[in-house]
Amino acid sequence: MGSFSIWHWLIVLLIVVMVFGTKKLRNMGSDLGGAVKGFKDGMKDGGSSTEDKPAGQVQHAAGTEKATIDVEAKTKS
């Protein structure tokens, strides 16, 4: 009653393939792989500080902060 055997997992896999189909499962797998790759790339880019960037990119990043507008949303009464 504790853990499932290999036969239980094979039956579950067979049911999943029958419900979703192999093409849809393949697409979901490639989408998941692309998301993981994008996350890893984002973590690499997010870890770099402004000291590591060339001077032109640091000035551009500072210019972007000036363009940010902070607003408050108020509801009409």
C-alpha atoms as a PDB file:
ATOM      1  CA  MET A   1       0.000   0.000   0.000  1.00  0.00           C
ATOM      2  CA  GLY A   2       3.010   2.319   0.454  1.00  0.00           C
ATOM      3  CA  SER A   3       4.673   3.028  -2.882  1.00  0.00           C
ATOM      4  CA  PHE A   4       3.575   2.296  -6.417  1.00  0.00           C
ATOM      5  CA  SER A   5       5.303  -0.347  -8.498  1.00  0.00           C
ATOM      6  CA  ILE A   6       6.592   0.166 -12.028  1.00  0.00           C
ATOM      7  CA  TRP A   7       3.391  -1.352 -13.422  1.00  0.00           C
ATOM      8  CA  HIS A   8       1.252   1.285 -11.718  1.00  0.00           C
ATOM      9  CA  TRP A   9       3.358   4.075 -13.244  1.00  0.00           C
ATOM     10  CA  LEU A  10       3.215   2.475 -16.706  1.00  0.00           C
ATOM     11  CA  ILE A  11      -0.586   2.287 -16.533  1.00  0.00           C
ATOM     12  CA  VAL A  12      -0.780   5.939 -15.439  1.00  0.00           C
ATOM     13  CA  LEU A  13       1.554   6.926 -18.301  1.00  0.00           C
ATOM     14  CA  LEU A  14      -0.558   4.988 -20.786  1.00  0.00           C
ATOM     15  CA  ILE A  15      -3.731   6.736 -19.600  1.00  0.00           C
ATOM     16  CA  VAL A  16      -2.067  10.162 -19.824  1.00  0.00           C
ATOM     17  CA  VAL A  17      -0.884   9.445 -23.385  1.00  0.00           C
ATOM     18  CA  MET A  18      -4.358   8.267 -24.360  1.00  0.00           C
ATOM     19  CA  VAL A  19      -6.018  11.378 -22.902  1.00  0.00           C
ATOM     20  CA  PHE A  20      -3.629  14.055 -24.180  1.00  0.00           C
ATOM     21  CA  GLY A  21      -2.015  12.410 -27.199  1.00  0.00           C
ATOM     22  CA  THR A  22       1.658  12.271 -28.031  1.00  0.00           C
ATOM     23  CA  LYS A  23       1.733  15.475 -30.096  1.00  0.00           C
ATOM     24  CA  LYS A  24       0.306  17.610 -27.296  1.00  0.00           C
ATOM     25  CA  LEU A  25       2.648  16.025 -24.732  1.00  0.00           C
ATOM     26  CA  ARG A  26       5.620  16.732 -27.017  1.00  0.00           C
ATOM     27  CA  ASN A  27       4.556  20.387 -27.358  1.00  0.00           C
ATOM     28  CA  MET A  28       4.147  20.732 -23.589  1.00  0.00           C
ATOM     29  CA  GLY A  29       7.613  19.239 -23.088  1.00  0.00           C
ATOM     30  CA  SER A  30       9.245  21.665 -25.497  1.00  0.00           C
ATOM     31  CA  ASP A  31       7.379  24.600 -23.940  1.00  0.00           C
ATOM     32  CA  LEU A  32       8.545  23.537 -20.489  1.00  0.00           C
ATOM     33  CA  GLY A  33      12.130  23.189 -21.727  1.00  0.00           C
ATOM     34  CA  GLY A  34      12.008  26.659 -23.278  1.00  0.00           C
ATOM     35  CA  ALA A  35      10.652  28.120 -20.057  1.00  0.00           C
ATOM     36  CA  VAL A  36      13.434  26.518 -18.014  1.00  0.00           C
ATOM     37  CA  LYS A  37      16.056  27.790 -20.472  1.00  0.00           C
ATOM     38  CA  GLY A  38      14.589  31.302 -20.331  1.00  0.00           C
ATOM     39  CA  PHE A  39      14.577  31.189 -16.541  1.00  0.00           C
ATOM     40  CA  LYS A  40      18.235  30.146 -16.446  1.00  0.00           C
ATOM     41  CA  ASP A  41      19.184  32.925 -18.893  1.00  0.00           C
ATOM     42  CA  GLY A  42      17.252  35.433 -16.798  1.00  0.00           C
ATOM     43  CA  MET A  43      19.041  34.331 -13.656  1.00  0.00           C
ATOM     44  CA  LYS A  44      22.401  34.799 -15.373  1.00  0.00           C
ATOM     45  CA  ASP A  45      21.453  38.281 -16.637  1.00  0.00           C
ATOM     46  CA  GLY A  46      19.830  39.323 -13.365  1.00  0.00           C
ATOM     47  CA  GLY A  47      22.921  38.437 -11.346  1.00  0.00           C
ATOM     48  CA  SER A  48      25.187  40.909 -13.130  1.00  0.00           C
ATOM     49  CA  SER A  49      25.586  44.293 -11.489  1.00  0.00           C
ATOM     50  CA  THR A  50      26.059  47.715 -13.120  1.00  0.00           C
ATOM     51  CA  GLU A  51      29.798  47.537 -12.320  1.00  0.00           C
ATOM     52  CA  ASP A  52      30.193  44.653 -14.780  1.00  0.00           C
ATOM     53  CA  LYS A  53      28.483  46.502 -17.660  1.00  0.00           C
ATOM     54  CA  PRO A  54      30.228  48.879 -20.090  1.00  0.00           C
ATOM     55  CA  ALA A  55      29.803  52.626 -19.501  1.00  0.00           C
ATOM     56  CA  GLY A  56      27.293  53.057 -22.340  1.00  0.00           C
ATOM     57  CA  GLN A  57      24.930  50.499 -20.863  1.00  0.00           C
ATOM     58  CA  VAL A  58      25.171  51.997 -17.368  1.00  0.00           C
ATOM     59  CA  GLN A  59      24.158  55.421 -18.664  1.00  0.00           C
ATOM     60  CA  HIS A  60      21.270  53.898 -20.585  1.00  0.00           C
ATOM     61  CA  ALA A  61      20.076  52.071 -17.461  1.00  0.00           C
ATOM     62  CA  ALA A  62      20.249  55.297 -15.438  1.00  0.00           C
ATOM     63  CA  GLY A  63      18.239  57.091 -18.132  1.00  0.00           C
ATOM     64  CA  THR A  64      15.539  54.445 -17.904  1.00  0.00           C
ATOM     65  CA  GLU A  65      14.994  55.151 -14.198  1.00  0.00           C
ATOM     66  CA  LYS A  66      14.217  58.814 -14.944  1.00  0.00           C
ATOM     67  CA  ALA A  67      11.523  57.797 -17.411  1.00  0.00           C
ATOM     68  CA  THR A  68       9.605  55.772 -14.783  1.00  0.00           C
ATOM     69  CA  ILE A  69       6.439  57.482 -13.546  1.00  0.00           C
ATOM     70  CA  ASP A  70       4.982  56.603 -10.166  1.00  0.00           C
ATOM     71  CA  VAL A  71       1.210  57.044  -9.945  1.00  0.00           C
ATOM     72  CA  GLU A  72      -1.551  56.254  -7.503  1.00  0.00           C
ATOM     73  CA  ALA A  73      -4.919  54.906  -8.547  1.00  0.00           C
ATOM     74  CA  LYS A  74      -7.924  56.486  -6.864  1.00  0.00           C
ATOM     75  CA  THR A  75     -11.528  55.396  -7.120  1.00  0.00           C
ATOM     76  CA  LYS A  76     -14.330  57.826  -7.856  1.00  0.00           C
ATOM     77  CA  SER A  77     -16.846  58.301  -5.096  1.00  0.00           C
END
